[in-house]
Amino acid sequence: MHEKLVREGNSVYEIDEECVRRKEKLKSRQDEHGKQPKRGEVRK
């Protein structure tokens, strides 16, 4: 597992780098193919 710790003041956050990569990959696919229509919305 690849994780990154981020310290902000008294708080510490754990970032899952694999999850971030998956989300970026999904977003880039959506940008390439156009946004998915919202539920109930019809594409023209």
PDB file of N, CA and C in Angstrom:
ATOM      1  N   MET A   1       0.835  -1.170   0.000  1.00  0.00           N
ATOM      2  CA  MET A   1       0.000   0.000   0.000  1.00  0.00           C
ATOM      3  C   MET A   1       0.887   1.243   0.000  1.00  0.00           C
ATOM      4  N   HIS A   2       0.531   2.202  -0.853  1.00  0.00           N
ATOM      5  CA  HIS A   2       1.283   3.453  -0.894  1.00  0.00           C
ATOM      6  C   HIS A   2       0.429   4.542  -0.274  1.00  0.00           C
ATOM      7  N   GLU A   3       0.912   5.072   0.814  1.00  0.00           N
ATOM      8  CA  GLU A   3       0.166   6.102   1.526  1.00  0.00           C
ATOM      9  C   GLU A   3       1.074   7.283   1.811  1.00  0.00           C
ATOM     10  N   LYS A   4       0.458   8.415   1.949  1.00  0.00           N
ATOM     11  CA  LYS A   4       1.196   9.637   2.211  1.00  0.00           C
ATOM     12  C   LYS A   4       0.546  10.322   3.400  1.00  0.00           C
ATOM     13  N   LEU A   5       1.349  10.768   4.342  1.00  0.00           N
ATOM     14  CA  LEU A   5       0.827  11.489   5.504  1.00  0.00           C
ATOM     15  C   LEU A   5       0.963  12.990   5.266  1.00  0.00           C
ATOM     16  N   VAL A   6      -0.093  13.709   5.556  1.00  0.00           N
ATOM     17  CA  VAL A   6      -0.094  15.159   5.416  1.00  0.00           C
ATOM     18  C   VAL A   6      -0.434  15.735   6.772  1.00  0.00           C
ATOM     19  N   ARG A   7       0.402  16.630   7.253  1.00  0.00           N
ATOM     20  CA  ARG A   7       0.180  17.250   8.558  1.00  0.00           C
ATOM     21  C   ARG A   7      -0.270  18.688   8.355  1.00  0.00           C
ATOM     22  N   GLU A   8      -1.387  19.031   8.959  1.00  0.00           N
ATOM     23  CA  GLU A   8      -1.952  20.370   8.881  1.00  0.00           C
ATOM     24  C   GLU A   8      -2.273  20.825  10.287  1.00  0.00           C
ATOM     25  N   GLY A   9      -1.442  21.650  10.846  1.00  0.00           N
ATOM     26  CA  GLY A   9      -1.658  22.082  12.225  1.00  0.00           C
ATOM     27  C   GLY A   9      -1.563  20.887  13.162  1.00  0.00           C
ATOM     28  N   ASN A  10      -2.605  20.634  13.939  1.00  0.00           N
ATOM     29  CA  ASN A  10      -2.634  19.492  14.853  1.00  0.00           C
ATOM     30  C   ASN A  10      -3.243  18.248  14.218  1.00  0.00           C
ATOM     31  N   SER A  11      -3.658  18.344  12.961  1.00  0.00           N
ATOM     32  CA  SER A  11      -4.320  17.218  12.284  1.00  0.00           C
ATOM     33  C   SER A  11      -3.345  16.494  11.360  1.00  0.00           C
ATOM     34  N   VAL A  12      -3.539  15.189  11.246  1.00  0.00           N
ATOM     35  CA  VAL A  12      -2.743  14.377  10.328  1.00  0.00           C
ATOM     36  C   VAL A  12      -3.710  13.612   9.442  1.00  0.00           C
ATOM     37  N   TYR A  13      -3.490  13.687   8.115  1.00  0.00           N
ATOM     38  CA  TYR A  13      -4.336  13.003   7.148  1.00  0.00           C
ATOM     39  C   TYR A  13      -3.515  11.958   6.423  1.00  0.00           C
ATOM     40  N   GLU A  14      -4.142  10.829   6.118  1.00  0.00           N
ATOM     41  CA  GLU A  14      -3.493   9.751   5.392  1.00  0.00           C
ATOM     42  C   GLU A  14      -4.098   9.727   3.982  1.00  0.00           C
ATOM     43  N   ILE A  15      -3.247   9.890   2.966  1.00  0.00           N
ATOM     44  CA  ILE A  15      -3.696   9.922   1.580  1.00  0.00           C
ATOM     45  C   ILE A  15      -3.330   8.602   0.918  1.00  0.00           C
ATOM     46  N   ASP A  16      -4.311   7.916   0.349  1.00  0.00           N
ATOM     47  CA  ASP A  16      -4.081   6.678  -0.388  1.00  0.00           C
ATOM     48  C   ASP A  16      -3.767   7.065  -1.836  1.00  0.00           C
ATOM     49  N   GLU A  17      -2.487   6.977  -2.224  1.00  0.00           N
ATOM     50  CA  GLU A  17      -2.053   7.429  -3.539  1.00  0.00           C
ATOM     51  C   GLU A  17      -2.654   6.603  -4.673  1.00  0.00           C
ATOM     52  N   GLU A  18      -2.897   5.308  -4.447  1.00  0.00           N
ATOM     53  CA  GLU A  18      -3.512   4.476  -5.474  1.00  0.00           C
ATOM     54  C   GLU A  18      -4.940   4.939  -5.758  1.00  0.00           C
ATOM     55  N   CYS A  19      -5.662   5.294  -4.715  1.00  0.00           N
ATOM     56  CA  CYS A  19      -7.025   5.785  -4.866  1.00  0.00           C
ATOM     57  C   CYS A  19      -7.024   7.105  -5.640  1.00  0.00           C
ATOM     58  N   VAL A  20      -6.089   7.989  -5.341  1.00  0.00           N
ATOM     59  CA  VAL A  20      -5.984   9.271  -6.037  1.00  0.00           C
ATOM     60  C   VAL A  20      -5.723   9.028  -7.520  1.00  0.00           C
ATOM     61  N   ARG A  21      -4.833   8.084  -7.848  1.00  0.00           N
ATOM     62  CA  ARG A  21      -4.546   7.769  -9.259  1.00  0.00           C
ATOM     63  C   ARG A  21      -5.776   7.231  -9.973  1.00  0.00           C
ATOM     64  N   ARG A  22      -6.530   6.339  -9.294  1.00  0.00           N
ATOM     65  CA  ARG A  22      -7.745   5.786  -9.905  1.00  0.00           C
ATOM     66  C   ARG A  22      -8.758   6.893 -10.198  1.00  0.00           C
ATOM     67  N   LYS A  23      -8.929   7.815  -9.255  1.00  0.00           N
ATOM     68  CA  LYS A  23      -9.875   8.915  -9.455  1.00  0.00           C
ATOM     69  C   LYS A  23      -9.437   9.820 -10.600  1.00  0.00           C
ATOM     70  N   GLU A  24      -8.121  10.105 -10.693  1.00  0.00           N
ATOM     71  CA  GLU A  24      -7.611  10.942 -11.780  1.00  0.00           C
ATOM     72  C   GLU A  24      -7.809  10.252 -13.127  1.00  0.00           C
ATOM     73  N   LYS A  25      -7.578   8.940 -13.175  1.00  0.00           N
ATOM     74  CA  LYS A  25      -7.752   8.181 -14.408  1.00  0.00           C
ATOM     75  C   LYS A  25      -9.217   8.202 -14.845  1.00  0.00           C
ATOM     76  N   LEU A  26     -10.134   8.010 -13.889  1.00  0.00           N
ATOM     77  CA  LEU A  26     -11.560   8.040 -14.181  1.00  0.00           C
ATOM     78  C   LEU A  26     -11.964   9.421 -14.699  1.00  0.00           C
ATOM     79  N   LYS A  27     -11.462  10.468 -14.064  1.00  0.00           N
ATOM     80  CA  LYS A  27     -11.797  11.829 -14.468  1.00  0.00           C
ATOM     81  C   LYS A  27     -11.292  12.112 -15.879  1.00  0.00           C
ATOM     82  N   SER A  28     -10.074  11.662 -16.198  1.00  0.00           N
ATOM     83  CA  SER A  28      -9.538  11.919 -17.533  1.00  0.00           C
ATOM     84  C   SER A  28     -10.346  11.166 -18.589  1.00  0.00           C
ATOM     85  N   ARG A  29     -10.820   9.952 -18.263  1.00  0.00           N
ATOM     86  CA  ARG A  29     -11.674   9.206 -19.204  1.00  0.00           C
ATOM     87  C   ARG A  29     -12.983   9.944 -19.439  1.00  0.00           C
ATOM     88  N   GLN A  30     -13.561  10.484 -18.368  1.00  0.00           N
ATOM     89  CA  GLN A  30     -14.815  11.221 -18.512  1.00  0.00           C
ATOM     90  C   GLN A  30     -14.598  12.483 -19.335  1.00  0.00           C
ATOM     91  N   ASP A  31     -13.454  13.155 -19.158  1.00  0.00           N
ATOM     92  CA  ASP A  31     -13.154  14.357 -19.930  1.00  0.00           C
ATOM     93  C   ASP A  31     -12.990  14.016 -21.410  1.00  0.00           C
ATOM     94  N   GLU A  32     -12.372  12.865 -21.728  1.00  0.00           N
ATOM     95  CA  GLU A  32     -12.168  12.460 -23.116  1.00  0.00           C
ATOM     96  C   GLU A  32     -13.488  12.137 -23.804  1.00  0.00           C
ATOM     97  N   HIS A  33     -14.373  11.450 -23.102  1.00  0.00           N
ATOM     98  CA  HIS A  33     -15.615  10.979 -23.702  1.00  0.00           C
ATOM     99  C   HIS A  33     -16.802  11.891 -23.406  1.00  0.00           C
ATOM    100  N   GLY A  34     -16.571  12.969 -22.768  1.00  0.00           N
ATOM    101  CA  GLY A  34     -17.660  13.856 -22.394  1.00  0.00           C
ATOM    102  C   GLY A  34     -18.249  13.414 -21.070  1.00  0.00           C
ATOM    103  N   LYS A  35     -18.834  14.332 -20.377  1.00  0.00           N
ATOM    104  CA  LYS A  35     -19.420  14.023 -19.068  1.00  0.00           C
ATOM    105  C   LYS A  35     -20.597  13.083 -19.233  1.00  0.00           C
ATOM    106  N   GLN A  36     -20.789  12.219 -18.263  1.00  0.00           N
ATOM    107  CA  GLN A  36     -21.932  11.326 -18.249  1.00  0.00           C
ATOM    108  C   GLN A  36     -23.174  12.146 -17.911  1.00  0.00           C
ATOM    109  N   PRO A  37     -24.298  11.856 -18.566  1.00  0.00           N
ATOM    110  CA  PRO A  37     -25.522  12.603 -18.240  1.00  0.00           C
ATOM    111  C   PRO A  37     -25.980  12.300 -16.824  1.00  0.00           C
ATOM    112  N   LYS A  38     -26.594  13.270 -16.205  1.00  0.00           N
ATOM    113  CA  LYS A  38     -27.145  13.069 -14.869  1.00  0.00           C
ATOM    114  C   LYS A  38     -28.353  12.157 -14.975  1.00  0.00           C
ATOM    115  N   ARG A  39     -28.709  11.542 -13.879  1.00  0.00           N
ATOM    116  CA  ARG A  39     -29.835  10.623 -13.858  1.00  0.00           C
ATOM    117  C   ARG A  39     -31.101  11.337 -14.362  1.00  0.00           C
ATOM    118  N   GLY A  40     -31.762  10.730 -15.326  1.00  0.00           N
ATOM    119  CA  GLY A  40     -32.984  11.303 -15.875  1.00  0.00           C
ATOM    120  C   GLY A  40     -32.743  12.279 -17.010  1.00  0.00           C
ATOM    121  N   GLU A  41     -31.489  12.622 -17.273  1.00  0.00           N
ATOM    122  CA  GLU A  41     -31.152  13.579 -18.330  1.00  0.00           C
ATOM    123  C   GLU A  41     -30.950  12.819 -19.647  1.00  0.00           C
ATOM    124  N   VAL A  42     -31.417  13.393 -20.757  1.00  0.00           N
ATOM    125  CA  VAL A  42     -31.301  12.750 -22.054  1.00  0.00           C
ATOM    126  C   VAL A  42     -30.204  13.432 -22.854  1.00  0.00           C
ATOM    127  N   ARG A  43     -29.302  12.615 -23.427  1.00  0.00           N
ATOM    128  CA  ARG A  43     -28.247  13.162 -24.282  1.00  0.00           C
ATOM    129  C   ARG A  43     -28.788  13.452 -25.662  1.00  0.00           C
ATOM    130  N   LYS A  44     -28.314  14.501 -26.287  1.00  0.00           N
ATOM    131  CA  LYS A  44     -28.725  14.838 -27.665  1.00  0.00           C
ATOM    132  C   LYS A  44     -27.670  14.411 -28.638  1.00  0.00           C
TER     133      LYS A  44
END
